[in-house]
C-alpha atoms as a PDB file:
ATOM      1  CA  MET A   1      -4.346 -11.736 -22.879  1.00  0.00           C
ATOM      2  CA  LEU A   2      -4.653 -13.271 -19.425  1.00  0.00           C
ATOM      3  CA  ARG A   3      -5.061 -16.937 -18.471  1.00  0.00           C
ATOM      4  CA  ILE A   4      -6.939 -17.144 -15.187  1.00  0.00           C
ATOM      5  CA  HIS A   5      -6.849 -20.372 -13.186  1.00  0.00           C
ATOM      6  CA  LEU A   6      -9.458 -20.838 -10.448  1.00  0.00           C
ATOM      7  CA  LEU A   7      -7.912 -23.043  -7.770  1.00  0.00           C
ATOM      8  CA  GLN A   8     -10.985 -24.206  -5.891  1.00  0.00           C
ATOM      9  CA  TYR A   9      -9.207 -26.140  -3.151  1.00  0.00           C
ATOM     10  CA  GLY A  10     -10.150 -26.942   0.392  1.00  0.00           C
ATOM     11  CA  SER A  11      -7.477 -26.380   3.027  1.00  0.00           C
ATOM     12  CA  LYS A  12      -5.960 -28.762   5.538  1.00  0.00           C
ATOM     13  CA  ILE A  13      -6.723 -26.732   8.649  1.00  0.00           C
ATOM     14  CA  GLY A  14      -3.628 -25.360  10.346  1.00  0.00           C
ATOM     15  CA  ASP A  15      -1.193 -27.100   7.969  1.00  0.00           C
ATOM     16  CA  VAL A  16       0.344 -24.225   6.009  1.00  0.00           C
ATOM     17  CA  GLU A  17       3.119 -26.440   4.611  1.00  0.00           C
ATOM     18  CA  TYR A  18       0.695 -28.966   3.137  1.00  0.00           C
ATOM     19  CA  ASN A  19      -1.514 -26.284   1.585  1.00  0.00           C
ATOM     20  CA  LEU A  20       1.518 -24.421   0.230  1.00  0.00           C
ATOM     21  CA  ASN A  21       2.895 -27.564  -1.419  1.00  0.00           C
ATOM     22  CA  ARG A  22      -0.432 -28.149  -3.174  1.00  0.00           C
ATOM     23  CA  LEU A  23      -0.382 -24.584  -4.477  1.00  0.00           C
ATOM     24  CA  ILE A  24       3.183 -24.968  -5.749  1.00  0.00           C
ATOM     25  CA  LYS A  25       2.259 -28.198  -7.550  1.00  0.00           C
ATOM     26  CA  ALA A  26      -0.615 -26.342  -9.219  1.00  0.00           C
ATOM     27  CA  MET A  27       1.834 -23.653 -10.338  1.00  0.00           C
ATOM     28  CA  GLU A  28       4.058 -26.345 -11.854  1.00  0.00           C
ATOM     29  CA  ARG A  29       1.119 -27.808 -13.734  1.00  0.00           C
ATOM     30  CA  LEU A  30      -0.689 -24.660 -14.873  1.00  0.00           C
ATOM     31  CA  CYS A  31       1.923 -21.990 -15.592  1.00  0.00           C
ATOM     32  CA  VAL A  32       3.114 -21.837 -19.193  1.00  0.00           C
ATOM     33  CA  GLY A  33       5.967 -19.450 -18.404  1.00  0.00           C
ATOM     34  CA  ASP A  34       5.085 -16.453 -20.580  1.00  0.00           C
ATOM     35  CA  GLY A  35       3.920 -14.231 -17.710  1.00  0.00           C
ATOM     36  CA  ALA A  36       0.243 -14.382 -18.715  1.00  0.00           C
ATOM     37  CA  ASP A  37      -0.890 -16.899 -16.080  1.00  0.00           C
ATOM     38  CA  LEU A  38      -2.766 -15.858 -12.944  1.00  0.00           C
ATOM     39  CA  ILE A  39      -3.557 -18.533 -10.364  1.00  0.00           C
ATOM     40  CA  VAL A  40      -6.169 -17.510  -7.793  1.00  0.00           C
ATOM     41  CA  ALA A  41      -6.609 -19.456  -4.532  1.00  0.00           C
ATOM     42  CA  PRO A  42      -9.318 -18.919  -1.876  1.00  0.00           C
ATOM     43  CA  GLU A  43      -9.507 -16.633   1.149  1.00  0.00           C
ATOM     44  CA  LEU A  44      -7.156 -17.766   3.946  1.00  0.00           C
ATOM     45  CA  TYR A  45      -6.240 -20.769   1.810  1.00  0.00           C
ATOM     46  CA  LEU A  46      -2.774 -21.206   3.308  1.00  0.00           C
ATOM     47  CA  PRO A  47      -3.792 -21.561   6.993  1.00  0.00           C
ATOM     48  CA  GLY A  48      -7.394 -22.645   6.337  1.00  0.00           C
ATOM     49  CA  TYR A  49     -10.354 -20.350   6.946  1.00  0.00           C
ATOM     50  CA  MET A  50     -11.640 -22.352   9.925  1.00  0.00           C
ATOM     51  CA  SER A  51      -8.307 -22.416  11.793  1.00  0.00           C
ATOM     52  CA  LYS A  52      -9.888 -20.464  14.670  1.00  0.00           C
ATOM     53  CA  ASP A  53      -7.418 -19.958  17.563  1.00  0.00           C
ATOM     54  CA  LEU A  54      -4.696 -21.860  15.667  1.00  0.00           C
ATOM     55  CA  ILE A  55      -4.404 -18.736  13.549  1.00  0.00           C
ATOM     56  CA  PHE A  56      -2.553 -16.968  16.369  1.00  0.00           C
ATOM     57  CA  GLN A  57       0.191 -19.601  16.201  1.00  0.00           C
ATOM     58  CA  ILE A  58       0.581 -19.976  12.445  1.00  0.00           C
ATOM     59  CA  ALA A  59       0.189 -16.404  11.155  1.00  0.00           C
ATOM     60  CA  GLU A  60       3.378 -15.069   9.544  1.00  0.00           C
ATOM     61  CA  PRO A  61       4.741 -11.740   8.350  1.00  0.00           C
ATOM     62  CA  ILE A  62       4.862 -11.131   4.618  1.00  0.00           C
ATOM     63  CA  GLY A  63       8.626 -11.537   4.779  1.00  0.00           C
ATOM     64  CA  GLY A  64       8.319 -14.991   6.362  1.00  0.00           C
ATOM     65  CA  ARG A  65       9.157 -18.409   4.987  1.00  0.00           C
ATOM     66  CA  THR A  66       5.811 -19.153   3.297  1.00  0.00           C
ATOM     67  CA  ILE A  67       5.634 -16.087   1.071  1.00  0.00           C
ATOM     68  CA  SER A  68       9.376 -16.343   0.386  1.00  0.00           C
ATOM     69  CA  ARG A  69       8.846 -19.825  -1.071  1.00  0.00           C
ATOM     70  CA  LEU A  70       5.988 -18.579  -3.239  1.00  0.00           C
ATOM     71  CA  LEU A  71       8.139 -15.716  -4.485  1.00  0.00           C
ATOM     72  CA  MET A  72      10.831 -18.168  -5.528  1.00  0.00           C
ATOM     73  CA  GLU A  73       8.330 -20.367  -7.384  1.00  0.00           C
ATOM     74  CA  ALA A  74       6.637 -17.428  -9.129  1.00  0.00           C
ATOM     75  CA  SER A  75      10.014 -16.158 -10.295  1.00  0.00           C
ATOM     76  CA  ARG A  76      11.089 -19.596 -11.480  1.00  0.00           C
ATOM     77  CA  ARG A  77       7.875 -20.190 -13.432  1.00  0.00           C
ATOM     78  CA  ASN A  78       7.236 -16.608 -14.581  1.00  0.00           C
ATOM     79  CA  CYS A  79       3.667 -16.617 -13.305  1.00  0.00           C
ATOM     80  CA  HIS A  80       1.355 -14.739 -10.940  1.00  0.00           C
ATOM     81  CA  VAL A  81      -0.562 -15.869  -7.861  1.00  0.00           C
ATOM     82  CA  ILE A  82      -3.218 -14.288  -5.641  1.00  0.00           C
ATOM     83  CA  VAL A  83      -3.693 -16.261  -2.429  1.00  0.00           C
ATOM     84  CA  GLY A  84      -5.311 -15.864   0.993  1.00  0.00           C
ATOM     85  CA  PHE A  85      -2.890 -15.668   3.907  1.00  0.00           C
ATOM     86  CA  ALA A  86      -2.959 -14.990   7.663  1.00  0.00           C
ATOM     87  CA  GLU A  87      -0.577 -12.050   7.984  1.00  0.00           C
ATOM     88  CA  ARG A  88       1.084 -10.963  11.206  1.00  0.00           C
ATOM     89  CA  SER A  89       2.188  -7.324  11.061  1.00  0.00           C
ATOM     90  CA  GLU A  90       5.922  -7.057  11.679  1.00  0.00           C
ATOM     91  CA  ASN A  91       5.413  -3.696  13.399  1.00  0.00           C
ATOM     92  CA  THR A  92       2.301  -4.165  15.552  1.00  0.00           C
ATOM     93  CA  HIS A  93       1.914  -7.989  15.544  1.00  0.00           C
ATOM     94  CA  VAL A  94      -1.782  -7.494  14.699  1.00  0.00           C
ATOM     95  CA  LEU A  95      -3.181 -10.263  12.483  1.00  0.00           C
ATOM     96  CA  TYR A  96      -4.870  -9.537   9.156  1.00  0.00           C
ATOM     97  CA  ASN A  97      -6.982 -11.554   6.738  1.00  0.00           C
ATOM     98  CA  THR A  98      -4.789 -10.805   3.744  1.00  0.00           C
ATOM     99  CA  ALA A  99      -4.659 -11.421   0.005  1.00  0.00           C
ATOM    100  CA  VAL A 100      -1.100 -11.492  -1.314  1.00  0.00           C
ATOM    101  CA  ALA A 101      -0.438 -10.930  -5.016  1.00  0.00           C
ATOM    102  CA  ILE A 102       2.883 -12.347  -6.177  1.00  0.00           C
ATOM    103  CA  GLY A 103       4.601 -12.157  -9.548  1.00  0.00           C
ATOM    104  CA  PRO A 104       7.946 -13.033 -11.124  1.00  0.00           C
ATOM    105  CA  ASP A 105       9.445  -9.781  -9.814  1.00  0.00           C
ATOM    106  CA  GLY A 106       8.213 -10.029  -6.230  1.00  0.00           C
ATOM    107  CA  VAL A 107       5.216  -9.047  -4.110  1.00  0.00           C
ATOM    108  CA  LEU A 108       2.844  -6.957  -6.228  1.00  0.00           C
ATOM    109  CA  ALA A 109       0.278  -6.128  -3.541  1.00  0.00           C
ATOM    110  CA  VAL A 110      -0.727  -6.888   0.023  1.00  0.00           C
ATOM    111  CA  TYR A 111      -4.440  -6.320   0.573  1.00  0.00           C
ATOM    112  CA  ARG A 112      -5.873  -6.532   4.092  1.00  0.00           C
ATOM    113  CA  LYS A 113      -9.587  -7.309   4.213  1.00  0.00           C
ATOM    114  CA  ARG A 114     -11.524  -4.132   4.959  1.00  0.00           C
ATOM    115  CA  HIS A 115     -14.890  -5.583   5.952  1.00  0.00           C
ATOM    116  CA  LEU A 116     -14.872  -8.295   8.611  1.00  0.00           C
ATOM    117  CA  PRO A 117     -18.126 -10.201   9.185  1.00  0.00           C
ATOM    118  CA  SER A 118     -18.873 -10.756  12.858  1.00  0.00           C
ATOM    119  CA  TYR A 119     -22.453 -11.984  12.997  1.00  0.00           C
ATOM    120  CA  GLY A 120     -24.102 -15.387  13.020  1.00  0.00           C
ATOM    121  CA  ILE A 121     -21.420 -17.998  12.429  1.00  0.00           C
ATOM    122  CA  PHE A 122     -18.751 -15.393  11.643  1.00  0.00           C
ATOM    123  CA  ASP A 123     -16.356 -13.967  14.226  1.00  0.00           C
ATOM    124  CA  GLU A 124     -13.503 -12.408  12.241  1.00  0.00           C
ATOM    125  CA  TYR A 125     -13.098  -9.466  14.632  1.00  0.00           C
ATOM    126  CA  ARG A 126     -11.893 -11.977  17.222  1.00  0.00           C
ATOM    127  CA  TYR A 127      -8.846 -12.771  15.104  1.00  0.00           C
ATOM    128  CA  PHE A 128      -8.123  -9.955  12.682  1.00  0.00           C
ATOM    129  CA  GLY A 129      -7.607  -6.234  12.498  1.00  0.00           C
ATOM    130  CA  ILE A 130      -9.500  -4.144   9.939  1.00  0.00           C
ATOM    131  CA  GLY A 131      -7.536  -3.389   6.789  1.00  0.00           C
ATOM    132  CA  LYS A 132      -7.134   0.367   6.382  1.00  0.00           C
ATOM    133  CA  GLY A 133      -4.826   0.539   3.388  1.00  0.00           C
ATOM    134  CA  ASP A 134      -5.535   1.213  -0.259  1.00  0.00           C
ATOM    135  CA  ILE A 135      -7.538  -1.067  -2.543  1.00  0.00           C
ATOM    136  CA  PRO A 136      -4.784  -2.369  -4.828  1.00  0.00           C
ATOM    137  CA  VAL A 137      -4.845  -2.531  -8.593  1.00  0.00           C
ATOM    138  CA  ILE A 138      -1.870  -4.384 -10.031  1.00  0.00           C
ATOM    139  CA  ASP A 139      -0.465  -4.903 -13.518  1.00  0.00           C
ATOM    140  CA  ILE A 140      -0.350  -8.441 -14.908  1.00  0.00           C
ATOM    141  CA  ASN A 141       0.857  -8.860 -18.469  1.00  0.00           C
ATOM    142  CA  GLY A 142      -0.255  -5.316 -19.293  1.00  0.00           C
ATOM    143  CA  HIS A 143      -3.706  -5.666 -17.733  1.00  0.00           C
ATOM    144  CA  LYS A 144      -5.062  -4.026 -14.576  1.00  0.00           C
ATOM    145  CA  VAL A 145      -6.307  -6.384 -11.856  1.00  0.00           C
ATOM    146  CA  GLY A 146      -8.053  -5.304  -8.643  1.00  0.00           C
ATOM    147  CA  ILE A 147      -8.149  -7.416  -5.469  1.00  0.00           C
ATOM    148  CA  ALA A 148     -10.704  -7.787  -2.667  1.00  0.00           C
ATOM    149  CA  ILE A 149     -11.835 -10.462  -0.210  1.00  0.00           C
ATOM    150  CA  CYS A 150     -15.223 -12.141   0.240  1.00  0.00           C
ATOM    151  CA  TYR A 151     -17.453  -9.863   2.392  1.00  0.00           C
ATOM    152  CA  ASP A 152     -15.965  -6.828   0.596  1.00  0.00           C
ATOM    153  CA  ALA A 153     -18.294  -7.787  -2.281  1.00  0.00           C
ATOM    154  CA  PHE A 154     -21.252  -6.638  -0.157  1.00  0.00           C
ATOM    155  CA  TYR A 155     -19.880  -3.091  -0.490  1.00  0.00           C
ATOM    156  CA  PRO A 156     -20.099  -1.917  -4.127  1.00  0.00           C
ATOM    157  CA  GLU A 157     -17.864   1.076  -3.417  1.00  0.00           C
ATOM    158  CA  VAL A 158     -14.906  -1.350  -3.224  1.00  0.00           C
ATOM    159  CA  SER A 159     -15.405  -2.556  -6.790  1.00  0.00           C
ATOM    160  CA  ARG A 160     -16.206   0.973  -7.977  1.00  0.00           C
ATOM    161  CA  THR A 161     -12.867   2.127  -6.539  1.00  0.00           C
ATOM    162  CA  MET A 162     -11.104  -0.626  -8.489  1.00  0.00           C
ATOM    163  CA  MET A 163     -12.829   0.511 -11.684  1.00  0.00           C
ATOM    164  CA  LEU A 164     -11.911   4.163 -11.115  1.00  0.00           C
ATOM    165  CA  LYS A 165      -8.285   3.067 -10.664  1.00  0.00           C
ATOM    166  CA  GLY A 166      -8.400   1.349 -14.046  1.00  0.00           C
ATOM    167  CA  ALA A 167      -9.062  -2.279 -13.073  1.00  0.00           C
ATOM    168  CA  GLU A 168     -10.358  -4.386 -15.950  1.00  0.00           C
ATOM    169  CA  VAL A 169     -10.459  -7.574 -13.865  1.00  0.00           C
ATOM    170  CA  HIS A 170     -11.870  -7.605 -10.302  1.00  0.00           C
ATOM    171  CA  VAL A 171     -10.702 -10.588  -8.241  1.00  0.00           C
ATOM    172  CA  TYR A 172     -12.569 -11.704  -5.115  1.00  0.00           C
ATOM    173  CA  ILE A 173     -11.102 -14.531  -3.052  1.00  0.00           C
ATOM    174  CA  SER A 174     -13.618 -16.075  -0.690  1.00  0.00           C
ATOM    175  CA  ALA A 175     -14.496 -18.569   2.031  1.00  0.00           C
ATOM    176  CA  ALA A 176     -18.273 -18.502   1.812  1.00  0.00           C
ATOM    177  CA  PRO A 177     -20.607 -21.126   3.295  1.00  0.00           C
ATOM    178  CA  ASP A 178     -23.782 -22.510   1.764  1.00  0.00           C
ATOM    179  CA  MET A 179     -26.147 -19.789   2.982  1.00  0.00           C
ATOM    180  CA  SER A 180     -24.104 -17.133   1.136  1.00  0.00           C
ATOM    181  CA  ARG A 181     -24.221 -18.775  -2.285  1.00  0.00           C
ATOM    182  CA  ILE A 182     -27.071 -16.685  -3.708  1.00  0.00           C
ATOM    183  CA  HIS A 183     -25.385 -13.493  -2.505  1.00  0.00           C
ATOM    184  CA  PHE A 184     -22.065 -14.056  -4.243  1.00  0.00           C
ATOM    185  CA  GLU A 185     -23.545 -15.430  -7.445  1.00  0.00           C
ATOM    186  CA  THR A 186     -25.679 -12.293  -7.642  1.00  0.00           C
ATOM    187  CA  PHE A 187     -22.912  -9.893  -6.601  1.00  0.00           C
ATOM    188  CA  MET A 188     -20.391 -11.102  -9.194  1.00  0.00           C
ATOM    189  CA  VAL A 189     -22.835 -10.461 -12.043  1.00  0.00           C
ATOM    190  CA  ALA A 190     -23.857  -7.108 -10.553  1.00  0.00           C
ATOM    191  CA  ARG A 191     -20.254  -5.949 -10.037  1.00  0.00           C
ATOM    192  CA  ALA A 192     -19.370  -6.958 -13.605  1.00  0.00           C
ATOM    193  CA  LEU A 193     -22.320  -5.062 -15.064  1.00  0.00           C
ATOM    194  CA  GLU A 194     -22.094  -1.909 -12.955  1.00  0.00           C
ATOM    195  CA  ASN A 195     -18.350  -1.495 -13.573  1.00  0.00           C
ATOM    196  CA  VAL A 196     -18.122  -3.030 -17.069  1.00  0.00           C
ATOM    197  CA  ALA A 197     -15.374  -5.364 -15.898  1.00  0.00           C
ATOM    198  CA  TYR A 198     -14.523  -9.040 -15.567  1.00  0.00           C
ATOM    199  CA  THR A 199     -15.206 -10.434 -12.097  1.00  0.00           C
ATOM    200  CA  VAL A 200     -13.334 -13.461 -10.778  1.00  0.00           C
ATOM    201  CA  TYR A 201     -14.700 -15.308  -7.752  1.00  0.00           C
ATOM    202  CA  VAL A 202     -12.701 -18.111  -6.117  1.00  0.00           C
ATOM    203  CA  ASN A 203     -14.279 -19.854  -3.139  1.00  0.00           C
ATOM    204  CA  THR A 204     -13.072 -22.593  -0.833  1.00  0.00           C
ATOM    205  CA  VAL A 205     -14.881 -25.919  -0.600  1.00  0.00           C
ATOM    206  CA  GLY A 206     -15.489 -28.645   1.974  1.00  0.00           C
ATOM    207  CA  GLN A 207     -17.002 -29.354   5.380  1.00  0.00           C
ATOM    208  CA  TYR A 208     -15.443 -27.773   8.462  1.00  0.00           C
ATOM    209  CA  ASP A 209     -16.988 -28.165  11.923  1.00  0.00           C
ATOM    210  CA  GLY A 210     -20.280 -29.089  10.292  1.00  0.00           C
ATOM    211  CA  LEU A 211     -20.266 -25.997   8.091  1.00  0.00           C
ATOM    212  CA  GLY A 212     -20.364 -26.539   4.325  1.00  0.00           C
ATOM    213  CA  PHE A 213     -18.500 -24.292   1.868  1.00  0.00           C
ATOM    214  CA  PHE A 214     -20.090 -24.493  -1.558  1.00  0.00           C
ATOM    215  CA  GLY A 215     -17.255 -23.812  -4.018  1.00  0.00           C
ATOM    216  CA  GLY A 216     -18.918 -22.610  -7.224  1.00  0.00           C
ATOM    217  CA  SER A 217     -15.964 -20.445  -8.284  1.00  0.00           C
ATOM    218  CA  HIS A 218     -16.585 -18.583 -11.539  1.00  0.00           C
ATOM    219  CA  VAL A 219     -15.656 -15.802 -13.945  1.00  0.00           C
ATOM    220  CA  VAL A 220     -18.185 -13.276 -15.275  1.00  0.00           C
ATOM    221  CA  ASN A 221     -17.596 -11.079 -18.320  1.00  0.00           C
ATOM    222  CA  PRO A 222     -18.566  -7.368 -18.591  1.00  0.00           C
ATOM    223  CA  LEU A 223     -21.927  -8.321 -20.126  1.00  0.00           C
ATOM    224  CA  GLY A 224     -22.843 -10.358 -17.049  1.00  0.00           C
ATOM    225  CA  ASN A 225     -22.312 -13.742 -18.703  1.00  0.00           C
ATOM    226  CA  VAL A 226     -20.679 -16.546 -16.706  1.00  0.00           C
ATOM    227  CA  LEU A 227     -17.701 -17.696 -18.782  1.00  0.00           C
ATOM    228  CA  ILE A 228     -16.654 -20.643 -16.646  1.00  0.00           C
ATOM    229  CA  LYS A 229     -17.808 -22.220 -13.411  1.00  0.00           C
ATOM    230  CA  ALA A 230     -16.320 -24.756 -11.007  1.00  0.00           C
ATOM    231  CA  LYS A 231     -18.282 -27.562  -9.397  1.00  0.00           C
ATOM    232  CA  TYR A 232     -20.335 -27.195  -6.250  1.00  0.00           C
ATOM    233  CA  TYR A 233     -19.142 -29.026  -3.112  1.00  0.00           C
ATOM    234  CA  GLU A 234     -16.073 -30.549  -4.799  1.00  0.00           C
ATOM    235  CA  GLU A 235     -12.508 -29.462  -5.314  1.00  0.00           C
ATOM    236  CA  ASP A 236     -12.042 -28.280  -8.862  1.00  0.00           C
ATOM    237  CA  VAL A 237      -9.650 -26.336 -11.070  1.00  0.00           C
ATOM    238  CA  LYS A 238     -10.998 -24.288 -13.955  1.00  0.00           C
ATOM    239  CA  SER A 239      -9.073 -22.148 -16.433  1.00  0.00           C
ATOM    240  CA  VAL A 240     -10.240 -19.456 -18.814  1.00  0.00           C
ATOM    241  CA  GLU A 241      -8.480 -17.116 -21.211  1.00  0.00           C
ATOM    242  CA  VAL A 242      -9.719 -13.529 -21.293  1.00  0.00           C
ATOM    243  CA  ASP A 243      -8.611 -10.427 -23.131  1.00  0.00           C
ATOM    244  CA  PRO A 244      -9.151  -7.456 -20.807  1.00  0.00           C
ATOM    245  CA  SER A 245      -8.341  -5.073 -23.660  1.00  0.00           C
ATOM    246  CA  ASP A 246     -11.916  -5.860 -24.802  1.00  0.00           C
ATOM    247  CA  ILE A 247     -12.990  -3.576 -21.957  1.00  0.00           C
ATOM    248  CA  ILE A 248     -12.416  -0.583 -24.259  1.00  0.00           C
ATOM    249  CA  ASN A 249     -15.122  -1.861 -26.607  1.00  0.00           C
ATOM    250  CA  TYR A 250     -17.485  -2.812 -23.787  1.00  0.00           C
ATOM    251  CA  ARG A 251     -17.132   0.596 -22.138  1.00  0.00           C
ATOM    252  CA  SER A 252     -17.583   2.478 -25.407  1.00  0.00           C
ATOM    253  CA  HIS A 253     -21.052   0.918 -25.665  1.00  0.00           C
ATOM    254  CA  ARG A 254     -21.831   1.481 -21.993  1.00  0.00           C
ATOM    255  CA  PRO A 255     -19.793   4.558 -20.944  1.00  0.00           C
ATOM    256  CA  ILE A 256     -20.020   4.222 -17.167  1.00  0.00           C
ATOM    257  CA  LEU A 257     -17.035   6.480 -16.519  1.00  0.00           C
ATOM    258  CA  LYS A 258     -18.204   9.224 -18.875  1.00  0.00           C
ATOM    259  CA  ASP A 259     -21.615   9.376 -17.228  1.00  0.00           C
ATOM    260  CA  LEU A 260     -20.361   9.100 -13.654  1.00  0.00           C
ATOM    261  CA  ASP A 261     -21.384  12.182 -11.669  1.00  0.00           C
ATOM    262  CA  PRO A 262     -18.896  13.056  -8.889  1.00  0.00           C
ATOM    263  CA  SER A 263     -21.709  14.782  -7.007  1.00  0.00           C
ATOM    264  CA  ASP A 264     -23.273  11.327  -6.491  1.00  0.00           C
ATOM    265  CA  LEU A 265     -20.200  10.357  -4.477  1.00  0.00           C
ATOM    266  CA  GLU A 266     -20.404  13.603  -2.533  1.00  0.00           C
ATOM    267  CA  LEU A 267     -24.042  12.902  -1.675  1.00  0.00           C
ATOM    268  CA  MET A 268     -23.114   9.414  -0.527  1.00  0.00           C
ATOM    269  CA  MET A 269     -20.297  10.736   1.660  1.00  0.00           C
ATOM    270  CA  ASN A 270     -22.616  13.312   3.238  1.00  0.00           C
ATOM    271  CA  ALA A 271     -25.253  10.658   3.904  1.00  0.00           C
ATOM    272  CA  LEU A 272     -22.631   8.324   5.364  1.00  0.00           C
ATOM    273  CA  SER A 273     -21.286  11.047   7.631  1.00  0.00           C
ATOM    274  CA  GLU A 274     -24.812  11.839   8.826  1.00  0.00           C
ATOM    275  CA  TYR A 275     -25.511   8.150   9.431  1.00  0.00           C
ATOM    276  CA  VAL A 276     -22.327   7.556  11.430  1.00  0.00           C
ATOM    277  CA  ASN A 277     -22.385  10.867  13.320  1.00  0.00           C
ATOM    278  CA  PRO A 278     -25.952  12.231  13.435  1.00  0.00           C
ATOM    279  CA  ARG A 279     -26.151  15.935  14.240  1.00  0.00           C
ATOM    280  CA  PRO A 280     -27.220  16.577  17.865  1.00  0.00           C
ATOM    281  CA  MET A 281     -29.915  19.032  16.690  1.00  0.00           C
ATOM    282  CA  LYS A 282     -31.487  16.378  14.491  1.00  0.00           C
ATOM    283  CA  ARG A 283     -31.330  13.810  17.266  1.00  0.00           C
ATOM    284  CA  GLU A 284     -33.068  16.238  19.658  1.00  0.00           C
ATOM    285  CA  ARG A 285     -35.826  16.926  17.095  1.00  0.00           C
ATOM    286  CA  LEU A 286     -36.442  13.224  16.665  1.00  0.00           C
ATOM    287  CA  THR A 287     -36.665  12.806  20.446  1.00  0.00           C
ATOM    288  CA  VAL A 288     -39.236  15.618  20.707  1.00  0.00           C
ATOM    289  CA  ILE A 289     -41.313  14.180  17.844  1.00  0.00           C
ATOM    290  CA  LYS A 290     -41.195  10.714  19.399  1.00  0.00           C
ATOM    291  CA  SER A 291     -42.288  12.145  22.766  1.00  0.00           C
ATOM    292  CA  MET A 292     -45.202  14.018  21.162  1.00  0.00           C
ATOM    293  CA  ASN A 293     -46.342  10.895  19.335  1.00  0.00           C
ATOM    294  CA  GLU A 294     -46.258   8.874  22.539  1.00  0.00           C
ATOM    295  CA  ARG A 295     -48.490  11.443  24.281  1.00  0.00           C
ATOM    296  CA  GLN A 296     -51.037  11.157  21.504  1.00  0.00           C
END
């Protein structure tokens, strides 16, 4: 059994201490102490998603003061937290948009966002490096939990990787504005259905520089049903108890893994390779065909 708490909070921009204290108070209030609680906070919750250039000043290494305090609280309360954090690499000093998973025994996973939106209102490449590490799946109270961040949901191979690594619960922390609402509400149902897994979506909320973040955090079960949903445009905390061991029954009725064909993945990899690095011969043929068409 797993008790999942959706901490749909807005952030005080640039004030890591204030945001951290609110998270710790939520841990005090929500954690029972039996190791079955998982509190999930939004993408870049600790510094605030819209910190912009402030992020260069307030980013910290994983071993810094902020995560150390969370480790102490998680140990004291025997609970688990997944939270968005601006990480500064101790080796390269590159900044990452990171999700940190913390439990009573320490840091369980550090996931650096793999897909950085840099179009329209988004400019994450300006601040962050691309995460190149593994997609983590951690153990919480005997259940497997995968972790990803916001725009990663646009790439179904991320969630499929979690499933192949045994994840029963797929957690997405997010900072998504109004225009993205339909995308994430659709994706969470789709990811749950295509992987026969629980999906957990926790979004930030509030108005920042005239941009509205819609909230709407929710949990979807493997049948695509929304189990619980937070309010739109307001801070909210919602809790739900799930039993990921039910996944065995769900997957026996819809045996995704049994019917998965590895050659599908090979075809995708070949197509991706061709898309990224088209063969010169093919490019030349296309040029000739285009030239002939223009003459006609």
